[in-house]
Amino acid sequence: MKVLLINPPVRQSQTPQDIPVGLAMIASVTKEAGHKVAFLDLNANRIPLQVAAEEIMIDDYDIIGIGGLSSQYKDIKNILPICRQIHPDALIVAGGGFVTYMPDKMLRLRQELDVIVIGEGEETWADLLKEGHHGDFSKVKGIAFKDNNGKIVFTEPRPLIKDMDTLPYPAYELIDLDKYSENYQFCLSEELLANDTRKIHMITERGCPRQCTFCTHNGLSRWDQVVAIGKDKVKQLDDDYGFQQIARFNSPKFVVKHLKFLVEKF
């Protein structure tokens, strides 16, 4: 199958800084399954919708995937009708925070969508690819979809991924890393920003130990698990792409548990 993954802009008022690691991992899952994948990064390349439409026309895609946060919804809702108009028979799948917490509402509001991935997407996406465009989606855990009668169906919840090392390395080769690196400023000190080394951020854990009442993650995230990425994947960022500075984001409450995890693993 031919698959198109779309990364919508993140904060149009800012330069591109947020590397789409999640979609890059979905791209790797797609490639490992033997499918052809194209990556349209509208965050790195802030092109007009008309130009984006021309990119979407390049191939006859069977599946189109799009993801993002609530702050990206404006651009997502603008690009979805274009995708449906150009590829009326394609399976359009959405994932990420903006749909995970209100999948039924999003399926009703955005008629272009066929399937919504709820929560972590890598294993769910692999199962969707196995079913293909016209498969039995009721067998895929962790999704909401519209059946042939337009009824919204929720499948069995998917368990959280316990070992991130089982996931494929992100398909960074599909991303303009130079553009992200030259703009990268997130959570860096003045000293780090002043040097000219290539910089990148890396999320080594998933989840949050806090229960902020204003946050959509409250009560829904894994707060008691360390889900870590191995040091070999950190080293690969330097070996393959020349990143000398890697900013890791994790919770101070996880430090002791994380160190014990590293001792046991390595």
Protein backbone atom coordinates (compact mmCIF):
# COMPACT_ATOMS: atom_id res chain seq x y z
CA MET A 1 0.00 0.00 0.00
CA LYS A 2 0.94 3.64 -0.44
CA VAL A 3 0.81 5.66 2.76
CA LEU A 4 1.02 9.43 3.26
CA LEU A 5 1.79 10.87 6.70
CA ILE A 6 1.10 14.55 7.31
CA ASN A 7 2.61 16.67 10.07
CA PRO A 8 0.61 19.92 10.46
CA PRO A 9 2.25 23.20 11.50
CA VAL A 10 3.07 23.75 15.17
CA ARG A 11 2.51 27.37 16.23
CA GLN A 12 2.55 29.32 12.99
CA SER A 13 4.02 32.32 14.83
CA GLN A 14 7.21 30.39 15.69
CA THR A 15 9.96 28.82 13.63
CA PRO A 16 9.85 25.01 13.30
CA GLN A 17 11.39 23.50 16.43
CA ASP A 18 9.37 20.41 17.33
CA ILE A 19 10.67 17.35 15.50
CA PRO A 20 7.73 15.04 14.68
CA VAL A 21 9.21 12.01 16.45
CA GLY A 22 5.82 10.33 16.84
CA LEU A 23 5.00 10.40 13.13
CA ALA A 24 8.58 9.41 12.33
CA MET A 25 8.07 6.26 14.39
CA ILE A 26 4.78 5.61 12.60
CA ALA A 27 6.70 5.96 9.33
CA SER A 28 9.19 3.34 10.50
CA VAL A 29 6.36 0.98 11.42
CA THR A 30 4.95 1.48 7.91
CA LYS A 31 8.29 0.77 6.23
CA GLU A 32 8.92 -2.33 8.34
CA ALA A 33 5.51 -3.64 7.26
CA GLY A 34 6.65 -3.42 3.64
CA HIS A 35 4.61 -0.42 2.53
CA LYS A 36 5.63 2.72 0.67
CA VAL A 37 5.53 5.82 2.86
CA ALA A 38 5.70 9.52 2.04
CA PHE A 39 6.09 12.26 4.65
CA LEU A 40 4.56 15.72 4.17
CA ASP A 41 6.00 17.96 6.87
CA LEU A 42 3.93 21.13 6.85
CA ASN A 43 5.63 22.27 10.04
CA ALA A 44 9.14 22.30 8.61
CA ASN A 45 7.92 23.68 5.29
CA ARG A 46 5.26 26.32 5.87
CA ILE A 47 3.76 26.12 2.41
CA PRO A 48 0.33 27.43 1.33
CA LEU A 49 -2.58 24.97 1.23
CA GLN A 50 -2.61 25.08 -2.57
CA VAL A 51 1.00 23.90 -2.67
CA ALA A 52 0.24 21.27 -0.03
CA ALA A 53 -2.58 20.01 -2.23
CA GLU A 54 -0.14 19.57 -5.10
CA GLU A 55 2.08 17.48 -2.82
CA ILE A 56 -0.89 15.35 -1.81
CA MET A 57 -1.65 14.74 -5.50
CA ILE A 58 1.80 13.27 -6.20
CA ASP A 59 0.71 9.68 -5.64
CA ASP A 60 -2.44 7.58 -5.35
CA TYR A 61 -2.40 6.99 -1.61
CA ASP A 62 -4.34 4.18 0.01
CA ILE A 63 -3.99 5.45 3.58
CA ILE A 64 -3.46 8.99 4.87
CA GLY A 65 -2.39 9.53 8.47
CA ILE A 66 -2.36 12.84 10.30
CA GLY A 67 -1.60 13.66 13.93
CA GLY A 68 -1.02 16.49 16.31
CA LEU A 69 -2.06 18.45 19.36
CA SER A 70 -5.06 20.67 20.00
CA SER A 71 -2.99 23.70 18.99
CA GLN A 72 -2.64 22.19 15.52
CA TYR A 73 -6.34 21.57 15.00
CA LYS A 74 -6.94 24.69 12.90
CA ASP A 75 -4.50 23.48 10.27
CA ILE A 76 -5.69 19.89 10.57
CA LYS A 77 -9.30 20.81 9.82
CA ASN A 78 -8.12 22.83 6.80
CA ILE A 79 -6.03 20.01 5.31
CA LEU A 80 -8.52 17.15 5.87
CA PRO A 81 -11.08 18.27 3.22
CA ILE A 82 -8.26 18.61 0.69
CA CYS A 83 -7.11 15.05 1.43
CA ARG A 84 -10.64 13.71 1.01
CA GLN A 85 -11.29 15.64 -2.18
CA ILE A 86 -8.07 14.47 -3.82
CA HIS A 87 -8.27 10.90 -2.51
CA PRO A 88 -11.99 10.12 -2.05
CA ASP A 89 -11.37 6.40 -1.51
CA ALA A 90 -8.39 6.66 0.84
CA LEU A 91 -8.58 5.56 4.46
CA ILE A 92 -7.94 8.68 6.55
CA VAL A 93 -6.64 8.05 10.06
CA ALA A 94 -5.98 10.59 12.81
CA GLY A 95 -4.02 10.22 16.03
CA GLY A 96 -2.44 12.29 18.76
CA GLY A 97 -3.70 14.33 21.66
CA PHE A 98 -6.29 16.34 19.75
CA VAL A 99 -8.37 13.24 18.95
CA THR A 100 -7.47 10.81 21.74
CA TYR A 101 -9.59 12.61 24.34
CA MET A 102 -12.71 13.13 22.22
CA PRO A 103 -12.68 10.52 19.43
CA ASP A 104 -16.45 10.25 19.01
CA LYS A 105 -16.85 14.02 18.76
CA MET A 106 -14.02 14.30 16.24
CA LEU A 107 -15.46 11.53 14.05
CA ARG A 108 -18.77 13.39 13.96
CA LEU A 109 -17.25 16.83 13.54
CA ARG A 110 -14.73 15.87 10.87
CA GLN A 111 -16.59 13.72 8.38
CA GLU A 112 -13.39 13.18 6.39
CA LEU A 113 -12.00 10.93 9.15
CA ASP A 114 -12.52 7.16 9.03
CA VAL A 115 -10.47 5.95 11.99
CA ILE A 116 -9.06 7.51 15.15
CA VAL A 117 -6.15 5.99 17.03
CA ILE A 118 -6.59 6.36 20.78
CA GLY A 119 -3.43 6.73 22.85
CA GLU A 120 -0.08 5.27 21.79
CA GLY A 121 -0.12 4.61 18.08
CA GLU A 122 2.79 2.40 17.03
CA GLU A 123 1.29 -1.04 17.72
CA THR A 124 -2.20 0.08 16.71
CA TRP A 125 -0.91 1.43 13.39
CA ALA A 126 0.83 -1.85 12.67
CA ASP A 127 -2.44 -3.71 13.18
CA LEU A 128 -4.32 -1.24 10.97
CA LEU A 129 -1.82 -1.87 8.19
CA LYS A 130 -2.38 -5.62 8.53
CA GLU A 131 -6.11 -5.15 8.06
CA GLY A 132 -5.61 -2.82 5.10
CA HIS A 133 -8.11 -0.39 3.65
CA HIS A 134 -11.13 -2.70 3.76
CA GLY A 135 -10.22 -4.94 6.69
CA ASP A 136 -12.09 -5.78 9.87
CA PHE A 137 -11.25 -2.84 12.11
CA SER A 138 -13.22 -4.33 14.99
CA LYS A 139 -10.23 -6.62 15.56
CA VAL A 140 -7.83 -3.69 16.04
CA LYS A 141 -7.41 -2.63 19.66
CA GLY A 142 -7.30 1.03 20.62
CA ILE A 143 -9.31 2.73 17.89
CA ALA A 144 -12.65 4.34 17.16
CA PHE A 145 -14.07 4.08 13.65
CA LYS A 146 -17.21 4.52 11.58
CA ASP A 147 -18.78 1.30 10.32
CA ASN A 148 -20.57 0.93 6.98
CA ASN A 149 -23.73 2.43 8.49
CA GLY A 150 -21.92 5.44 9.88
CA LYS A 151 -22.13 4.18 13.47
CA ILE A 152 -19.15 5.01 15.66
CA VAL A 153 -17.55 1.88 17.08
CA PHE A 154 -15.02 1.72 19.92
CA THR A 155 -12.76 -1.31 20.03
CA GLU A 156 -11.09 -2.90 23.04
CA PRO A 157 -8.56 -0.54 24.69
CA ARG A 158 -4.94 -1.24 23.88
CA PRO A 159 -2.53 -1.85 26.77
CA LEU A 160 0.29 0.64 27.23
CA ILE A 161 3.59 -0.21 25.59
CA LYS A 162 5.90 -1.58 28.28
CA ASP A 163 9.24 -1.47 26.48
CA MET A 164 10.00 1.36 24.07
CA ASP A 165 13.07 -0.52 22.86
CA THR A 166 10.69 -2.86 21.04
CA LEU A 167 9.66 0.03 18.81
CA PRO A 168 11.50 0.83 15.58
CA TYR A 169 13.95 3.70 15.31
CA PRO A 170 12.21 6.86 14.01
CA ALA A 171 12.53 7.39 10.26
CA TYR A 172 14.55 10.58 10.66
CA GLU A 173 15.69 10.29 7.05
CA LEU A 174 12.23 11.54 6.01
CA ILE A 175 12.59 14.72 8.07
CA ASP A 176 14.52 17.93 7.42
CA LEU A 177 16.57 17.66 10.62
CA ASP A 178 18.81 20.57 9.63
CA LYS A 179 15.87 22.97 9.68
CA TYR A 180 14.71 21.78 13.09
CA SER A 181 18.21 21.80 14.52
CA GLU A 182 19.02 25.35 13.44
CA ASN A 183 15.84 26.63 15.09
CA TYR A 184 16.00 24.50 18.20
CA GLN A 185 15.83 26.52 21.43
CA PHE A 186 13.50 24.55 23.68
CA CYS A 187 14.60 24.34 27.34
CA LEU A 188 18.23 25.13 26.57
CA SER A 189 20.47 27.42 28.59
CA GLU A 190 22.16 30.47 27.07
CA GLU A 191 25.47 28.57 27.12
CA LEU A 192 24.07 25.70 25.09
CA LEU A 193 22.32 28.03 22.67
CA ALA A 194 25.55 29.97 22.12
CA ASN A 195 27.56 27.08 20.65
CA ASP A 196 27.21 25.81 17.11
CA THR A 197 26.78 22.09 17.76
CA ARG A 198 23.81 20.24 16.31
CA LYS A 199 21.06 19.90 18.91
CA ILE A 200 18.04 17.65 19.22
CA HIS A 201 15.60 16.67 21.94
CA MET A 202 14.71 13.12 22.87
CA ILE A 203 11.87 11.83 25.03
CA THR A 204 13.26 8.92 27.00
CA GLU A 205 10.11 8.26 29.01
CA ARG A 206 6.38 8.38 28.46
CA GLY A 207 3.84 9.43 31.04
CA CYS A 208 3.49 12.01 33.79
CA PRO A 209 3.56 11.57 37.57
CA ARG A 210 1.39 14.63 38.19
CA GLN A 211 -2.39 14.98 38.37
CA CYS A 212 -3.01 18.57 37.24
CA THR A 213 -6.76 19.11 37.15
CA PHE A 214 -6.58 21.42 34.12
CA CYS A 215 -4.70 18.90 31.96
CA THR A 216 -6.36 16.36 29.69
CA HIS A 217 -3.73 13.81 30.74
CA ASN A 218 -5.00 13.85 34.32
CA GLY A 219 -5.78 10.28 35.35
CA LEU A 220 -5.01 8.88 31.92
CA SER A 221 -1.23 8.56 31.84
CA ARG A 222 1.17 6.01 33.26
CA TRP A 223 2.69 7.66 36.30
CA ASP A 224 4.24 4.62 37.96
CA GLN A 225 6.26 3.15 35.10
CA VAL A 226 9.63 3.95 33.60
CA VAL A 227 9.38 3.36 29.87
CA ALA A 228 12.83 4.12 28.58
CA ILE A 229 14.72 4.24 25.32
CA GLY A 230 18.05 2.41 25.32
CA LYS A 231 21.43 4.08 25.01
CA ASP A 232 22.02 2.53 21.58
CA LYS A 233 19.27 4.70 20.11
CA VAL A 234 20.76 7.78 21.75
CA LYS A 235 24.18 6.96 20.27
CA GLN A 236 22.64 6.46 16.83
CA LEU A 237 21.56 10.11 16.75
CA ASP A 238 25.22 11.08 16.86
CA ASP A 239 26.51 8.32 14.57
CA ASP A 240 23.92 8.79 11.83
CA TYR A 241 22.97 12.45 12.05
CA GLY A 242 25.79 14.21 13.90
CA PHE A 243 23.86 15.48 16.91
CA GLN A 244 26.35 16.25 19.68
CA GLN A 245 23.86 17.68 22.15
CA ILE A 246 20.75 15.73 23.08
CA ALA A 247 18.28 17.21 25.55
CA ARG A 248 16.44 14.51 27.48
CA PHE A 249 13.08 15.19 29.06
CA ASN A 250 11.94 13.18 32.05
CA SER A 251 10.49 13.63 35.51
CA PRO A 252 12.76 14.13 38.55
CA LYS A 253 10.55 11.63 40.37
CA PHE A 254 11.61 8.98 37.87
CA VAL A 255 15.36 9.51 38.27
CA VAL A 256 16.10 6.80 40.84
CA LYS A 257 13.81 4.30 39.14
CA HIS A 258 15.29 5.18 35.77
CA LEU A 259 18.86 4.68 36.99
CA LYS A 260 17.95 1.27 38.42
CA PHE A 261 16.40 0.43 35.06
CA LEU A 262 19.62 1.35 33.24
CA VAL A 263 21.75 -0.69 35.67
CA GLU A 264 19.57 -3.75 35.12
CA LYS A 265 19.42 -3.28 31.34
CA PHE A 266 23.06 -2.43 30.63
